Amino acid sequence: MDVVDLGSCRVHLMSVVRGLVSEADAVRAAFLAVKPDAIALSIGREELEGLRAHGGESVPPENIEEEVYVHGLSRFGEVRKPPPCFVEAVAVAKEAGIPVHPLDMDSEQYTTAYLKAVSTVDVLRSNVRQVRLKGWESTAASAADFVLEWDALVNGSAGYRELQSERETFLARRLQKLASRYRVLLGIVEVERARGVLGRLV
């Protein structure tokens, strides 16, 4: 976990693997160690609302990309959707009576950023890649390495890389804004975006 001082706030930035069940225990342990005044998650407002209303059941993959991701990540443990790391963060915050904030773009903001960054050529390349995904096998030695390998694969074109860079900038700005309101903040960000977010904070 990385620690960054932003003004009078100490931000603890934790990277997590989306979907891996074992990450829930890591989130709870981090919460107990940090004792934050608030938690911030690298999801949008709508996804946070969905987590709060979620009944606890596991949701099946929605498309070929999610199917391949789950298959590859399952080498390192049980995989569930919604991501247990975020489900647990919402749970521990509720138990402690502290706020949870979304860091990511809402659906309207994401659509605007997507249309600005991703070209027709990027979309066509993505469609071709999805056809080839069924035969893809990762050689990663850890869950974090797998996620980074996966991210490089699905965001390999210039437009998608620009979109993810824009997300990292957005996440960092939200953390900076929230830091003005709290003394200790726990930020939970997926592995593939954590390094870029950290780089924009220090």
C-alpha atoms as a PDB file:
ATOM      1  CA  MET A   1       0.000   0.000   0.000  1.00  0.00           C
ATOM      2  CA  ASP A   2       1.285   3.454  -0.950  1.00  0.00           C
ATOM      3  CA  VAL A   3       0.849   6.474   1.309  1.00  0.00           C
ATOM      4  CA  VAL A   4       0.651  10.018  -0.021  1.00  0.00           C
ATOM      5  CA  ASP A   5       0.248  13.204   1.999  1.00  0.00           C
ATOM      6  CA  LEU A   6      -2.125  15.605   0.258  1.00  0.00           C
ATOM      7  CA  GLY A   7      -2.312  18.746   2.350  1.00  0.00           C
ATOM      8  CA  SER A   8      -3.424  17.722   5.824  1.00  0.00           C
ATOM      9  CA  CYS A   9      -4.785  14.380   4.610  1.00  0.00           C
ATOM     10  CA  ARG A  10      -2.899  11.100   4.557  1.00  0.00           C
ATOM     11  CA  VAL A  11      -4.122   9.055   1.589  1.00  0.00           C
ATOM     12  CA  HIS A  12      -3.518   5.307   1.736  1.00  0.00           C
ATOM     13  CA  LEU A  13      -3.724   3.967  -1.822  1.00  0.00           C
ATOM     14  CA  MET A  14      -4.465   0.250  -2.005  1.00  0.00           C
ATOM     15  CA  SER A  15      -4.351  -1.660  -5.293  1.00  0.00           C
ATOM     16  CA  VAL A  16      -6.768  -4.555  -5.709  1.00  0.00           C
ATOM     17  CA  VAL A  17      -7.576  -7.273  -8.240  1.00  0.00           C
ATOM     18  CA  ARG A  18     -11.168  -6.961  -9.406  1.00  0.00           C
ATOM     19  CA  GLY A  19     -13.087 -10.200  -9.017  1.00  0.00           C
ATOM     20  CA  LEU A  20     -10.708 -12.181  -6.813  1.00  0.00           C
ATOM     21  CA  VAL A  21     -12.564 -13.327  -3.692  1.00  0.00           C
ATOM     22  CA  SER A  22      -9.453 -13.321  -1.497  1.00  0.00           C
ATOM     23  CA  GLU A  23      -9.137  -9.559  -1.988  1.00  0.00           C
ATOM     24  CA  ALA A  24     -12.078  -9.036   0.369  1.00  0.00           C
ATOM     25  CA  ASP A  25      -9.972 -10.140   3.342  1.00  0.00           C
ATOM     26  CA  ALA A  26      -7.153  -7.841   2.220  1.00  0.00           C
ATOM     27  CA  VAL A  27      -9.524  -4.881   2.077  1.00  0.00           C
ATOM     28  CA  ARG A  28     -10.853  -5.563   5.584  1.00  0.00           C
ATOM     29  CA  ALA A  29      -7.299  -5.914   6.908  1.00  0.00           C
ATOM     30  CA  ALA A  30      -6.296  -2.635   5.277  1.00  0.00           C
ATOM     31  CA  PHE A  31      -9.320  -0.896   6.751  1.00  0.00           C
ATOM     32  CA  LEU A  32      -8.479  -2.127  10.254  1.00  0.00           C
ATOM     33  CA  ALA A  33      -4.852  -1.047   9.876  1.00  0.00           C
ATOM     34  CA  VAL A  34      -5.539   2.393   8.404  1.00  0.00           C
ATOM     35  CA  LYS A  35      -8.693   3.337  10.345  1.00  0.00           C
ATOM     36  CA  PRO A  36      -9.769   5.862   7.682  1.00  0.00           C
ATOM     37  CA  ASP A  37     -12.306   8.652   8.017  1.00  0.00           C
ATOM     38  CA  ALA A  38     -13.692   7.671   4.602  1.00  0.00           C
ATOM     39  CA  ILE A  39     -13.161   5.181   1.766  1.00  0.00           C
ATOM     40  CA  ALA A  40     -12.928   6.019  -1.929  1.00  0.00           C
ATOM     41  CA  LEU A  41     -13.395   3.381  -4.636  1.00  0.00           C
ATOM     42  CA  SER A  42     -12.351   3.405  -8.298  1.00  0.00           C
ATOM     43  CA  ILE A  43     -15.911   2.888  -9.501  1.00  0.00           C
ATOM     44  CA  GLY A  44     -18.576   5.282 -10.720  1.00  0.00           C
ATOM     45  CA  ARG A  45     -21.618   6.546  -8.890  1.00  0.00           C
ATOM     46  CA  GLU A  46     -23.985   4.082 -10.560  1.00  0.00           C
ATOM     47  CA  GLU A  47     -21.804   1.078  -9.744  1.00  0.00           C
ATOM     48  CA  LEU A  48     -21.567   2.161  -6.102  1.00  0.00           C
ATOM     49  CA  GLU A  49     -25.354   2.459  -5.937  1.00  0.00           C
ATOM     50  CA  GLY A  50     -25.609  -1.029  -7.433  1.00  0.00           C
ATOM     51  CA  LEU A  51     -23.264  -2.457  -4.793  1.00  0.00           C
ATOM     52  CA  ARG A  52     -25.331  -0.929  -2.012  1.00  0.00           C
ATOM     53  CA  ALA A  53     -28.465  -2.562  -3.416  1.00  0.00           C
ATOM     54  CA  HIS A  54     -26.826  -5.886  -4.255  1.00  0.00           C
ATOM     55  CA  GLY A  55     -28.284  -8.964  -2.601  1.00  0.00           C
ATOM     56  CA  GLY A  56     -25.048 -10.944  -2.407  1.00  0.00           C
ATOM     57  CA  GLU A  57     -25.511 -13.346  -5.308  1.00  0.00           C
ATOM     58  CA  SER A  58     -22.739 -13.882  -7.861  1.00  0.00           C
ATOM     59  CA  VAL A  59     -23.496 -12.393 -11.278  1.00  0.00           C
ATOM     60  CA  PRO A  60     -22.392 -14.363 -14.382  1.00  0.00           C
ATOM     61  CA  PRO A  61     -20.077 -12.836 -17.034  1.00  0.00           C
ATOM     62  CA  GLU A  62     -21.896 -10.625 -19.522  1.00  0.00           C
ATOM     63  CA  ASN A  63     -19.671 -11.034 -22.584  1.00  0.00           C
ATOM     64  CA  ILE A  64     -16.699 -12.901 -24.040  1.00  0.00           C
ATOM     65  CA  GLU A  65     -14.183 -10.509 -22.489  1.00  0.00           C
ATOM     66  CA  GLU A  66     -15.553 -11.122 -18.998  1.00  0.00           C
ATOM     67  CA  GLU A  67     -15.646 -14.889 -19.605  1.00  0.00           C
ATOM     68  CA  VAL A  68     -11.984 -14.969 -20.618  1.00  0.00           C
ATOM     69  CA  TYR A  69     -11.011 -12.688 -17.727  1.00  0.00           C
ATOM     70  CA  VAL A  70     -12.770 -14.900 -15.186  1.00  0.00           C
ATOM     71  CA  HIS A  71     -11.268 -18.053 -16.708  1.00  0.00           C
ATOM     72  CA  GLY A  72      -7.735 -16.641 -16.567  1.00  0.00           C
ATOM     73  CA  LEU A  73      -8.025 -15.081 -13.121  1.00  0.00           C
ATOM     74  CA  SER A  74      -9.520 -18.261 -11.633  1.00  0.00           C
ATOM     75  CA  ARG A  75      -6.035 -19.800 -11.760  1.00  0.00           C
ATOM     76  CA  PHE A  76      -5.302 -17.691  -8.681  1.00  0.00           C
ATOM     77  CA  GLY A  77      -8.474 -18.313  -6.680  1.00  0.00           C
ATOM     78  CA  GLU A  78     -12.244 -18.029  -6.695  1.00  0.00           C
ATOM     79  CA  VAL A  79     -13.652 -15.217  -8.825  1.00  0.00           C
ATOM     80  CA  ARG A  80     -16.961 -13.444  -8.260  1.00  0.00           C
ATOM     81  CA  LYS A  81     -18.921 -10.526  -9.643  1.00  0.00           C
ATOM     82  CA  PRO A  82     -19.522  -7.892  -8.366  1.00  0.00           C
ATOM     83  CA  PRO A  83     -15.874  -7.478  -7.297  1.00  0.00           C
ATOM     84  CA  PRO A  84     -15.474  -8.698  -3.681  1.00  0.00           C
ATOM     85  CA  CYS A  85     -12.881  -5.983  -2.998  1.00  0.00           C
ATOM     86  CA  PHE A  86     -15.508  -3.280  -3.510  1.00  0.00           C
ATOM     87  CA  VAL A  87     -18.351  -5.247  -1.936  1.00  0.00           C
ATOM     88  CA  GLU A  88     -16.264  -5.656   1.226  1.00  0.00           C
ATOM     89  CA  ALA A  89     -15.257  -1.989   1.238  1.00  0.00           C
ATOM     90  CA  VAL A  90     -18.905  -0.945   1.210  1.00  0.00           C
ATOM     91  CA  ALA A  91     -19.636  -3.444   3.991  1.00  0.00           C
ATOM     92  CA  VAL A  92     -16.848  -2.337   6.328  1.00  0.00           C
ATOM     93  CA  ALA A  93     -17.668   1.327   5.775  1.00  0.00           C
ATOM     94  CA  LYS A  94     -21.305   0.670   6.673  1.00  0.00           C
ATOM     95  CA  GLU A  95     -20.249  -1.211   9.813  1.00  0.00           C
ATOM     96  CA  ALA A  96     -17.992   1.660  10.854  1.00  0.00           C
ATOM     97  CA  GLY A  97     -20.465   4.383   9.901  1.00  0.00           C
ATOM     98  CA  ILE A  98     -18.084   6.188   7.565  1.00  0.00           C
ATOM     99  CA  PRO A  99     -18.709   7.498   4.029  1.00  0.00           C
ATOM    100  CA  VAL A 100     -17.854   5.687   0.793  1.00  0.00           C
ATOM    101  CA  HIS A 101     -17.161   7.823  -2.275  1.00  0.00           C
ATOM    102  CA  PRO A 102     -16.982   6.884  -5.974  1.00  0.00           C
ATOM    103  CA  LEU A 103     -13.795   8.049  -7.659  1.00  0.00           C
ATOM    104  CA  ASP A 104     -14.550   7.149 -11.259  1.00  0.00           C
ATOM    105  CA  MET A 105     -16.623   8.849 -13.948  1.00  0.00           C
ATOM    106  CA  ASP A 106     -20.371   8.377 -13.987  1.00  0.00           C
ATOM    107  CA  SER A 107     -21.914   6.849 -17.103  1.00  0.00           C
ATOM    108  CA  GLU A 108     -22.448  10.191 -18.853  1.00  0.00           C
ATOM    109  CA  GLN A 109     -18.884  11.355 -18.210  1.00  0.00           C
ATOM    110  CA  TYR A 110     -17.484   8.001 -19.334  1.00  0.00           C
ATOM    111  CA  THR A 111     -19.496   8.103 -22.562  1.00  0.00           C
ATOM    112  CA  THR A 112     -18.179  11.576 -23.322  1.00  0.00           C
ATOM    113  CA  ALA A 113     -14.580  10.504 -22.658  1.00  0.00           C
ATOM    114  CA  TYR A 114     -15.048   7.326 -24.710  1.00  0.00           C
ATOM    115  CA  LEU A 115     -16.396   9.165 -27.741  1.00  0.00           C
ATOM    116  CA  LYS A 116     -13.534  11.662 -27.537  1.00  0.00           C
ATOM    117  CA  ALA A 117     -10.742   9.068 -27.243  1.00  0.00           C
ATOM    118  CA  VAL A 118     -11.867   5.935 -29.089  1.00  0.00           C
ATOM    119  CA  SER A 119     -11.995   5.998 -32.876  1.00  0.00           C
ATOM    120  CA  THR A 120     -13.852   3.738 -35.303  1.00  0.00           C
ATOM    121  CA  VAL A 121     -10.546   2.007 -36.041  1.00  0.00           C
ATOM    122  CA  ASP A 122     -10.072   1.299 -32.324  1.00  0.00           C
ATOM    123  CA  VAL A 123     -13.545  -0.238 -32.166  1.00  0.00           C
ATOM    124  CA  LEU A 124     -12.912  -2.412 -35.223  1.00  0.00           C
ATOM    125  CA  ARG A 125      -9.647  -3.659 -33.732  1.00  0.00           C
ATOM    126  CA  SER A 126     -11.446  -4.398 -30.485  1.00  0.00           C
ATOM    127  CA  ASN A 127     -14.059  -6.459 -32.345  1.00  0.00           C
ATOM    128  CA  VAL A 128     -11.346  -8.488 -34.073  1.00  0.00           C
ATOM    129  CA  ARG A 129      -9.568  -9.019 -30.749  1.00  0.00           C
ATOM    130  CA  GLN A 130     -12.717 -10.376 -29.127  1.00  0.00           C
ATOM    131  CA  VAL A 131     -12.908 -13.092 -31.771  1.00  0.00           C
ATOM    132  CA  ARG A 132      -9.339 -14.125 -30.931  1.00  0.00           C
ATOM    133  CA  LEU A 133      -9.756 -13.961 -27.169  1.00  0.00           C
ATOM    134  CA  LYS A 134     -11.177 -17.472 -26.803  1.00  0.00           C
ATOM    135  CA  GLY A 135      -7.791 -18.967 -27.608  1.00  0.00           C
ATOM    136  CA  TRP A 136      -5.788 -16.592 -25.416  1.00  0.00           C
ATOM    137  CA  GLU A 137      -3.930 -18.003 -22.417  1.00  0.00           C
ATOM    138  CA  SER A 138      -1.996 -15.942 -19.918  1.00  0.00           C
ATOM    139  CA  THR A 139       1.459 -16.906 -18.702  1.00  0.00           C
ATOM    140  CA  ALA A 140       1.321 -14.619 -15.651  1.00  0.00           C
ATOM    141  CA  ALA A 141       2.753 -15.921 -12.386  1.00  0.00           C
ATOM    142  CA  SER A 142       0.450 -13.908 -10.097  1.00  0.00           C
ATOM    143  CA  ALA A 143      -3.029 -12.421 -10.112  1.00  0.00           C
ATOM    144  CA  ALA A 144      -1.638  -8.878 -10.311  1.00  0.00           C
ATOM    145  CA  ASP A 145       0.585  -9.818 -13.252  1.00  0.00           C
ATOM    146  CA  PHE A 146      -2.384 -11.434 -14.970  1.00  0.00           C
ATOM    147  CA  VAL A 147      -4.463  -8.274 -14.619  1.00  0.00           C
ATOM    148  CA  LEU A 148      -1.681  -6.107 -16.024  1.00  0.00           C
ATOM    149  CA  GLU A 149      -1.222  -8.522 -18.930  1.00  0.00           C
ATOM    150  CA  TRP A 150      -4.967  -8.503 -19.533  1.00  0.00           C
ATOM    151  CA  ASP A 151      -5.124  -4.707 -19.417  1.00  0.00           C
ATOM    152  CA  ALA A 152      -2.342  -4.417 -21.995  1.00  0.00           C
ATOM    153  CA  LEU A 153      -4.271  -6.798 -24.233  1.00  0.00           C
ATOM    154  CA  VAL A 154      -7.730  -5.225 -24.097  1.00  0.00           C
ATOM    155  CA  ASN A 155      -6.487  -1.618 -24.017  1.00  0.00           C
ATOM    156  CA  GLY A 156      -3.733  -2.102 -26.570  1.00  0.00           C
ATOM    157  CA  SER A 157      -4.885   0.426 -29.182  1.00  0.00           C
ATOM    158  CA  ALA A 158      -4.101   4.127 -28.888  1.00  0.00           C
ATOM    159  CA  GLY A 159      -7.680   5.204 -28.293  1.00  0.00           C
ATOM    160  CA  TYR A 160      -8.315   2.787 -25.449  1.00  0.00           C
ATOM    161  CA  ARG A 161      -4.969   3.677 -23.852  1.00  0.00           C
ATOM    162  CA  GLU A 162      -5.954   7.344 -24.014  1.00  0.00           C
ATOM    163  CA  LEU A 163      -9.297   6.535 -22.406  1.00  0.00           C
ATOM    164  CA  GLN A 164      -7.652   4.705 -19.510  1.00  0.00           C
ATOM    165  CA  SER A 165      -5.164   7.550 -19.079  1.00  0.00           C
ATOM    166  CA  GLU A 166      -8.091   9.946 -18.849  1.00  0.00           C
ATOM    167  CA  ARG A 167      -9.649   7.714 -16.195  1.00  0.00           C
ATOM    168  CA  GLU A 168      -6.436   7.732 -14.165  1.00  0.00           C
ATOM    169  CA  THR A 169      -6.347  11.533 -14.269  1.00  0.00           C
ATOM    170  CA  PHE A 170      -9.986  11.673 -13.197  1.00  0.00           C
ATOM    171  CA  LEU A 171      -9.415   9.243 -10.308  1.00  0.00           C
ATOM    172  CA  ALA A 172      -6.413  11.229  -9.073  1.00  0.00           C
ATOM    173  CA  ARG A 173      -8.309  14.524  -9.196  1.00  0.00           C
ATOM    174  CA  ARG A 174     -11.182  13.033  -7.231  1.00  0.00           C
ATOM    175  CA  LEU A 175      -8.764  11.761  -4.585  1.00  0.00           C
ATOM    176  CA  GLN A 176      -7.198  15.204  -4.348  1.00  0.00           C
ATOM    177  CA  LYS A 177     -10.616  16.795  -3.939  1.00  0.00           C
ATOM    178  CA  LEU A 178     -11.682  14.310  -1.269  1.00  0.00           C
ATOM    179  CA  ALA A 179      -8.382  14.789   0.571  1.00  0.00           C
ATOM    180  CA  SER A 180      -9.436  18.329   1.405  1.00  0.00           C
ATOM    181  CA  ARG A 181     -12.336  16.918   3.461  1.00  0.00           C
ATOM    182  CA  TYR A 182     -10.659  14.189   5.530  1.00  0.00           C
ATOM    183  CA  ARG A 183      -7.664  13.524   7.742  1.00  0.00           C
ATOM    184  CA  VAL A 184      -7.174   9.879   6.698  1.00  0.00           C
ATOM    185  CA  LEU A 185      -8.528   8.481   3.430  1.00  0.00           C
ATOM    186  CA  LEU A 186      -8.365   4.912   2.115  1.00  0.00           C
ATOM    187  CA  GLY A 187      -8.395   4.824  -1.673  1.00  0.00           C
ATOM    188  CA  ILE A 188      -9.025   1.419  -3.264  1.00  0.00           C
ATOM    189  CA  VAL A 189      -8.046   1.268  -6.934  1.00  0.00           C
ATOM    190  CA  GLU A 190      -7.771  -1.671  -9.340  1.00  0.00           C
ATOM    191  CA  VAL A 191      -4.200  -2.827  -9.965  1.00  0.00           C
ATOM    192  CA  GLU A 192      -4.125  -1.819 -13.600  1.00  0.00           C
ATOM    193  CA  ARG A 193      -4.925   1.833 -12.818  1.00  0.00           C
ATOM    194  CA  ALA A 194      -3.144   2.210  -9.459  1.00  0.00           C
ATOM    195  CA  ARG A 195       0.323   3.054 -10.787  1.00  0.00           C
ATOM    196  CA  GLY A 196      -1.033   5.756 -13.094  1.00  0.00           C
ATOM    197  CA  VAL A 197      -3.133   7.261 -10.320  1.00  0.00           C
ATOM    198  CA  LEU A 198      -0.217   7.266  -7.891  1.00  0.00           C
ATOM    199  CA  GLY A 199       1.992   8.957 -10.478  1.00  0.00           C
ATOM    200  CA  ARG A 200      -0.510  11.783 -10.748  1.00  0.00           C
ATOM    201  CA  LEU A 201      -0.605  12.301  -6.976  1.00  0.00           C
ATOM    202  CA  VAL A 202       3.133  12.504  -6.198  1.00  0.00           C
END
